[in-house]
Protein backbone atom coordinates (compact mmCIF):
# COMPACT_ATOMS: atom_id res chain seq x y z
CA MET A 1 8.01 -5.81 20.04
CA PHE A 2 7.49 -2.81 17.79
CA GLN A 3 11.23 -2.60 17.28
CA LYS A 4 11.29 -6.22 16.11
CA LEU A 5 8.37 -5.73 13.77
CA PHE A 6 9.19 -2.47 12.11
CA SER A 7 12.89 -1.71 12.42
CA ARG A 8 13.86 -3.57 9.24
CA ASN A 9 13.49 -1.12 6.35
CA THR A 10 13.15 -2.94 3.05
CA ALA A 11 14.59 -0.40 0.68
CA ASN A 12 14.59 -2.26 -2.62
CA ARG A 13 17.50 -1.23 -4.87
CA GLN A 14 17.42 -2.89 -8.26
CA ALA A 15 19.08 -2.22 -11.61
CA GLN A 16 16.54 0.51 -12.29
CA ASN A 17 17.63 2.55 -9.21
CA ALA A 18 17.69 6.31 -9.49
CA PRO A 19 19.06 8.91 -7.08
CA ALA A 20 16.39 9.28 -4.38
CA SER A 21 15.73 12.68 -2.81
CA HIS A 22 12.14 11.78 -1.94
CA LEU A 23 10.67 8.43 -0.94
CA ILE A 24 7.98 8.88 -3.62
CA ASP A 25 8.64 11.08 -6.65
CA LEU A 26 6.19 11.43 -9.55
CA HIS A 27 7.18 13.86 -12.32
CA ASP A 28 4.85 14.99 -15.15
CA VAL A 29 2.85 11.79 -15.02
CA VAL A 30 0.23 11.37 -17.74
CA LYS A 31 -2.16 8.42 -17.91
CA SER A 32 -4.34 8.00 -20.95
CA TYR A 33 -6.92 5.33 -21.63
CA GLU A 34 -8.34 4.49 -25.04
CA THR A 35 -12.14 4.54 -25.14
CA ALA A 36 -14.78 4.34 -27.86
CA ALA A 37 -15.17 8.12 -27.59
CA GLY A 38 -11.42 8.73 -27.90
CA ASP A 39 -8.52 8.98 -25.47
CA PHE A 40 -9.42 9.72 -21.82
CA LEU A 41 -6.80 11.45 -19.68
CA ALA A 42 -7.05 10.15 -16.15
CA LEU A 43 -3.92 12.00 -15.01
CA LYS A 44 -2.62 15.20 -16.59
CA ASN A 45 1.04 16.04 -15.95
CA VAL A 46 0.87 15.18 -12.27
CA SER A 47 3.96 15.78 -10.11
CA LEU A 48 4.04 14.70 -6.50
CA GLN A 49 6.79 14.21 -3.95
CA VAL A 50 6.35 12.43 -0.61
CA ASP A 51 9.00 12.11 2.05
CA GLY A 52 9.54 9.35 4.63
CA GLY A 53 7.22 9.47 7.63
CA GLU A 54 4.46 11.47 5.94
CA PHE A 55 0.77 10.51 6.29
CA VAL A 56 -0.85 11.72 3.03
CA ALA A 57 -4.54 11.70 2.21
CA VAL A 58 -5.51 11.96 -1.48
CA ILE A 59 -9.04 13.27 -1.84
CA GLY A 60 -11.35 14.22 -4.72
CA LYS A 61 -14.60 13.30 -6.36
CA SER A 62 -15.22 9.94 -8.03
CA GLY A 63 -13.41 9.85 -11.33
CA SER A 64 -10.98 12.54 -10.38
CA GLY A 65 -7.94 10.28 -10.75
CA LYS A 66 -7.27 9.33 -7.11
CA SER A 67 -7.04 5.58 -7.55
CA THR A 68 -5.12 5.98 -10.81
CA LEU A 69 -2.54 8.03 -8.91
CA SER A 70 -2.22 5.38 -6.21
CA ASN A 71 -1.91 2.69 -8.92
CA MET A 72 1.06 4.58 -10.40
CA ILE A 73 2.87 4.49 -7.06
CA THR A 74 2.21 0.79 -6.42
CA GLY A 75 3.08 -0.24 -10.00
CA ILE A 76 -0.38 -1.72 -10.50
CA ASP A 77 -0.69 0.54 -13.54
CA ARG A 78 1.85 2.33 -15.73
CA PRO A 79 2.07 5.93 -16.82
CA SER A 80 1.63 6.81 -20.47
CA SER A 81 4.43 9.28 -19.99
CA GLY A 82 6.40 10.79 -17.15
CA SER A 83 8.40 9.15 -14.40
CA VAL A 84 7.56 7.25 -11.19
CA VAL A 85 10.38 6.76 -8.71
CA VAL A 86 9.55 5.00 -5.44
CA ASN A 87 12.15 4.30 -2.77
CA GLY A 88 14.90 4.93 -5.27
CA THR A 89 13.51 2.61 -7.95
CA SER A 90 12.28 3.81 -11.35
CA VAL A 91 9.06 1.81 -11.31
CA HIS A 92 8.00 2.99 -14.81
CA LYS A 93 11.04 1.26 -16.34
CA MET A 94 10.43 -2.16 -14.81
CA SER A 95 8.91 -5.26 -16.37
CA GLU A 96 5.76 -6.82 -14.92
CA GLY A 97 7.75 -9.58 -13.30
CA GLN A 98 10.17 -7.09 -11.73
CA ILE A 99 7.33 -4.91 -10.49
CA ALA A 100 5.68 -7.86 -8.79
CA ARG A 101 8.86 -8.74 -6.92
CA TRP A 102 9.60 -5.07 -6.05
CA ARG A 103 6.06 -4.43 -4.83
CA GLY A 104 6.19 -7.42 -2.51
CA LEU A 105 9.04 -5.85 -0.52
CA SER A 106 8.65 -2.13 -1.04
CA VAL A 107 4.94 -1.28 -0.90
CA GLY A 108 2.19 -2.65 1.25
CA VAL A 109 -1.23 -2.33 -0.44
CA VAL A 110 -4.50 -2.15 1.46
CA PHE A 111 -7.65 -2.46 -0.65
CA GLN A 112 -11.22 -1.29 -0.03
CA PHE A 113 -12.57 -4.83 -0.50
CA PHE A 114 -9.81 -6.47 1.64
CA GLN A 115 -8.82 -9.06 -1.04
CA LEU A 116 -8.14 -11.87 1.41
CA LEU A 117 -7.85 -15.30 -0.05
CA PRO A 118 -11.10 -17.07 1.06
CA THR A 119 -9.62 -20.57 1.28
CA LEU A 120 -6.79 -19.57 3.61
CA THR A 121 -7.07 -18.85 7.30
CA VAL A 122 -6.39 -15.40 8.72
CA LEU A 123 -2.93 -16.48 9.77
CA GLU A 124 -2.13 -18.05 6.41
CA ASN A 125 -3.24 -14.86 4.60
CA VAL A 126 -0.75 -12.80 6.63
CA MET A 127 2.02 -15.35 6.09
CA LEU A 128 1.47 -15.49 2.32
CA PRO A 129 3.50 -12.41 1.29
CA MET A 130 6.50 -13.76 3.29
CA ASP A 131 6.18 -17.08 1.45
CA PHE A 132 6.01 -15.49 -2.00
CA CYS A 133 8.83 -13.00 -1.31
CA ASN A 134 10.95 -15.63 0.37
CA VAL A 135 11.73 -13.53 3.45
CA TYR A 136 12.21 -14.81 7.00
CA ALA A 137 12.70 -18.45 7.96
CA GLY A 138 9.73 -20.78 8.03
CA ARG A 139 9.13 -20.66 11.80
CA GLU A 140 9.88 -16.95 11.94
CA ARG A 141 7.16 -16.28 9.34
CA ARG A 142 4.51 -17.75 11.57
CA GLU A 143 5.79 -15.92 14.63
CA ARG A 144 5.89 -12.59 12.76
CA ALA A 145 2.37 -13.14 11.40
CA ILE A 146 1.10 -13.82 14.90
CA HIS A 147 2.83 -10.66 16.21
CA LEU A 148 1.27 -8.56 13.45
CA LEU A 149 -2.16 -9.99 14.21
CA GLU A 150 -1.63 -9.11 17.83
CA GLN A 151 -0.93 -5.50 16.85
CA VAL A 152 -4.28 -5.26 15.03
CA ASP A 153 -6.14 -7.19 17.76
CA MET A 154 -6.89 -10.15 15.51
CA VAL A 155 -4.72 -12.93 16.95
CA GLU A 156 -7.72 -14.69 18.53
CA GLN A 157 -9.26 -15.05 15.06
CA MET A 158 -6.13 -16.34 13.35
CA ASP A 159 -7.48 -19.87 12.67
CA LYS A 160 -10.71 -18.65 11.08
CA LEU A 161 -11.43 -18.17 7.39
CA PRO A 162 -12.09 -14.61 6.17
CA THR A 163 -15.83 -15.37 5.66
CA ALA A 164 -16.17 -16.08 9.39
CA ILE A 165 -15.12 -12.56 10.48
CA SER A 166 -16.62 -9.12 10.03
CA GLY A 167 -15.68 -6.54 7.44
CA GLY A 168 -13.78 -4.42 9.96
CA GLN A 169 -11.88 -7.49 11.13
CA GLN A 170 -11.03 -8.45 7.54
CA GLN A 171 -9.61 -4.97 6.98
CA ARG A 172 -7.44 -5.32 10.08
CA VAL A 173 -6.13 -8.62 8.71
CA ALA A 174 -5.46 -6.90 5.38
CA ILE A 175 -3.42 -4.26 7.18
CA ALA A 176 -1.46 -6.92 8.97
CA ARG A 177 -0.79 -8.67 5.66
CA SER A 178 0.41 -5.42 4.09
CA LEU A 179 3.05 -5.19 6.80
CA ALA A 180 4.21 -8.79 6.46
CA THR A 181 7.43 -8.03 4.55
CA ASP A 182 8.00 -4.77 6.45
CA PRO A 183 7.68 -2.41 3.48
CA PRO A 184 8.54 1.28 4.14
CA ILE A 185 5.41 2.47 2.33
CA LEU A 186 1.70 1.61 2.71
CA VAL A 187 -0.79 2.66 -0.02
CA ALA A 188 -4.43 2.31 0.98
CA ASP A 189 -7.23 2.81 -1.54
CA GLU A 190 -10.48 3.70 0.27
CA PRO A 191 -9.53 1.45 3.25
CA THR A 192 -12.57 2.59 5.28
CA GLY A 193 -15.04 2.85 2.43
CA ASN A 194 -17.01 -0.26 3.39
CA LEU A 195 -16.79 0.23 7.16
CA ASP A 196 -19.05 1.91 9.70
CA SER A 197 -17.78 5.07 11.27
CA ARG A 198 -16.65 3.46 14.54
CA THR A 199 -14.78 0.71 12.75
CA ALA A 200 -13.32 3.19 10.29
CA ASP A 201 -11.97 5.30 13.17
CA SER A 202 -10.33 2.22 14.67
CA VAL A 203 -8.65 1.32 11.42
CA PHE A 204 -7.47 4.86 10.95
CA SER A 205 -5.97 4.85 14.47
CA LEU A 206 -3.90 1.84 13.40
CA PHE A 207 -2.55 3.87 10.50
CA GLU A 208 -1.63 6.72 12.84
CA LYS A 209 0.37 4.39 15.07
CA LEU A 210 2.17 2.92 12.03
CA VAL A 211 3.15 6.46 10.86
CA ASP A 212 4.37 7.25 14.38
CA GLY A 213 6.37 4.00 14.22
CA GLY A 214 8.17 5.11 11.03
CA LYS A 215 5.95 4.05 8.10
CA THR A 216 4.90 6.31 5.23
CA ILE A 217 1.24 6.09 4.28
CA LEU A 218 -0.60 7.40 1.24
CA MET A 219 -4.38 6.93 1.63
CA VAL A 220 -7.05 7.53 -0.98
CA THR A 221 -10.29 8.49 0.72
CA HIS A 222 -13.70 10.18 0.37
CA ASP A 223 -13.91 10.71 4.12
CA ASP A 224 -13.25 14.41 4.83
CA ASP A 225 -13.18 13.86 8.62
CA LEU A 226 -10.35 11.30 8.32
CA ALA A 227 -8.52 13.49 5.79
CA GLU A 228 -8.34 16.24 8.42
CA ARG A 229 -6.29 13.96 10.71
CA VAL A 230 -3.35 13.37 8.42
CA THR A 231 -0.13 15.38 8.00
CA ARG A 232 -0.85 16.30 4.39
CA THR A 233 -3.90 16.51 2.13
CA VAL A 234 -3.60 16.33 -1.66
CA THR A 235 -6.74 17.25 -3.63
CA ILE A 236 -7.21 15.94 -7.22
CA ALA A 237 -9.80 17.24 -9.68
CA ASP A 238 -10.07 16.26 -13.36
CA GLY A 239 -6.72 14.45 -13.29
CA ARG A 240 -4.77 17.34 -11.81
CA ILE A 241 -3.47 18.15 -8.32
CA VAL A 242 -5.34 21.37 -7.43
CA ASP A 243 -4.39 21.66 -3.75
CA ASP A 244 -1.65 20.39 -1.45
CA VAL A 245 -1.96 21.28 2.23
CA ARG A 246 0.40 20.26 5.05
CA THR A 247 -0.75 20.15 8.67
CA GLN A 248 0.57 19.08 12.05
CA ARG A 249 -0.70 16.22 14.14
CA THR A 250 0.23 14.90 17.58
CA PRO A 251 2.01 11.55 17.42
CA SER A 252 0.24 8.57 19.00
CA PRO A 253 1.83 7.17 22.22
CA VAL A 254 3.98 4.52 20.58
CA VAL A 255 7.68 3.90 20.44
CA GLN A 256 9.51 6.14 17.94
CA LEU A 257 11.69 3.97 15.64
CA ALA A 258 14.79 4.60 13.63
CA ARG A 259 14.24 5.08 9.90
CA THR A 260 17.66 4.10 8.57
CA ALA A 261 17.37 2.53 5.11
CA GLU A 262 19.21 -0.70 4.38
CA PRO A 263 19.52 -2.43 1.04
CA VAL A 264 17.75 -5.76 0.64
CA VAL A 265 18.65 -8.66 -1.67
CA ILE A 266 15.74 -9.60 -3.88
CA ARG A 267 15.16 -13.30 -4.04
CA PRO A 268 13.23 -15.10 -6.81
CA VAL A 269 9.58 -15.57 -6.04
CA PRO A 270 6.99 -17.90 -7.62
CA VAL A 271 4.16 -16.51 -9.64
CA LEU A 272 0.62 -17.39 -8.70
CA GLN A 273 -1.18 -19.12 -11.56
CA PRO A 274 -4.91 -18.65 -12.21
CA ASN A 275 -6.87 -21.39 -10.50
CA GLY A 276 -10.45 -20.48 -11.41
CA ALA A 277 -11.09 -18.99 -7.96
CA GLY A 278 -10.98 -15.43 -9.30
CA ALA A 279 -8.32 -12.70 -9.13
CA TYR A 280 -7.09 -11.92 -5.69
CA ALA A 281 -4.38 -9.37 -4.79
CA PHE A 282 -1.57 -9.95 -2.38
CA GLN A 283 1.97 -8.78 -1.83
CA GLY A 284 4.56 -10.11 -4.22
CA ALA A 285 2.15 -11.56 -6.77
CA GLN A 286 1.07 -10.13 -10.08
CA GLN A 287 -2.54 -9.22 -10.34
CA ILE A 288 -5.10 -8.52 -13.09
CA VAL A 289 -6.21 -4.93 -13.00
CA GLY A 290 -9.07 -3.36 -14.97
CA VAL A 291 -9.06 0.12 -16.32
CA SER A 292 -10.21 2.67 -13.79
CA SER A 293 -10.25 6.45 -13.97
CA ASP A 294 -10.90 7.00 -10.20
């Protein structure tokens, strides 16, 4: 089952492709925001390289630039200068429409506040990225969504709306959704920030199994205990990387999968239009993002 779910590597190669020596490669990235008091530098000449199969925790105080860094990698925000190359694609050179399509297949995003669409069932939320990115046949989308929900122990809740399940359960669904198109990279911004310690540990264990199964995860967190369990810890302070420590961890008892990259043909995807229900984030769709220095 794990082989079926995770063996397809969606390495997105578009016209903006660049030679890839690292799965994630940021070089001299600067991010500046205009404020009433003048320009504010959220990131100051940040360079970071992440290879396939790494589990990276990005830590630092509030306002240090952690979330801004993750937004550079996911294409949610753009650098003022410098380059961002993810999975061989020069993200900083892409248009908004191209980024939305690329993100849907290349990066799974897990948010602190889950961002599940409230009018869709748990199952429909997980199927949504496959619909927008036009991957898998119709019946296979449902089967894959059910398999993913089984892996996060949420299949029994699949017909419920998000408001009918707990916060920890919603985060599990959000993780399943982030895996829907089988992206090689997951970026999680404070994924355990709104969870109790027991639920947070359970969610983190899911991440460990995904890494052992071949995924690459970059996680922004304030939780020092969780940060000690990853393979690498990157510390940010005042918009700069001030420490980068690699450690060893014992793989979880899951099947080890091949990590051979295969090119994927990008198909046109529809764009979600505002419907008055608020801005919700999901794979493959553009989203409205406010300025944040964290």
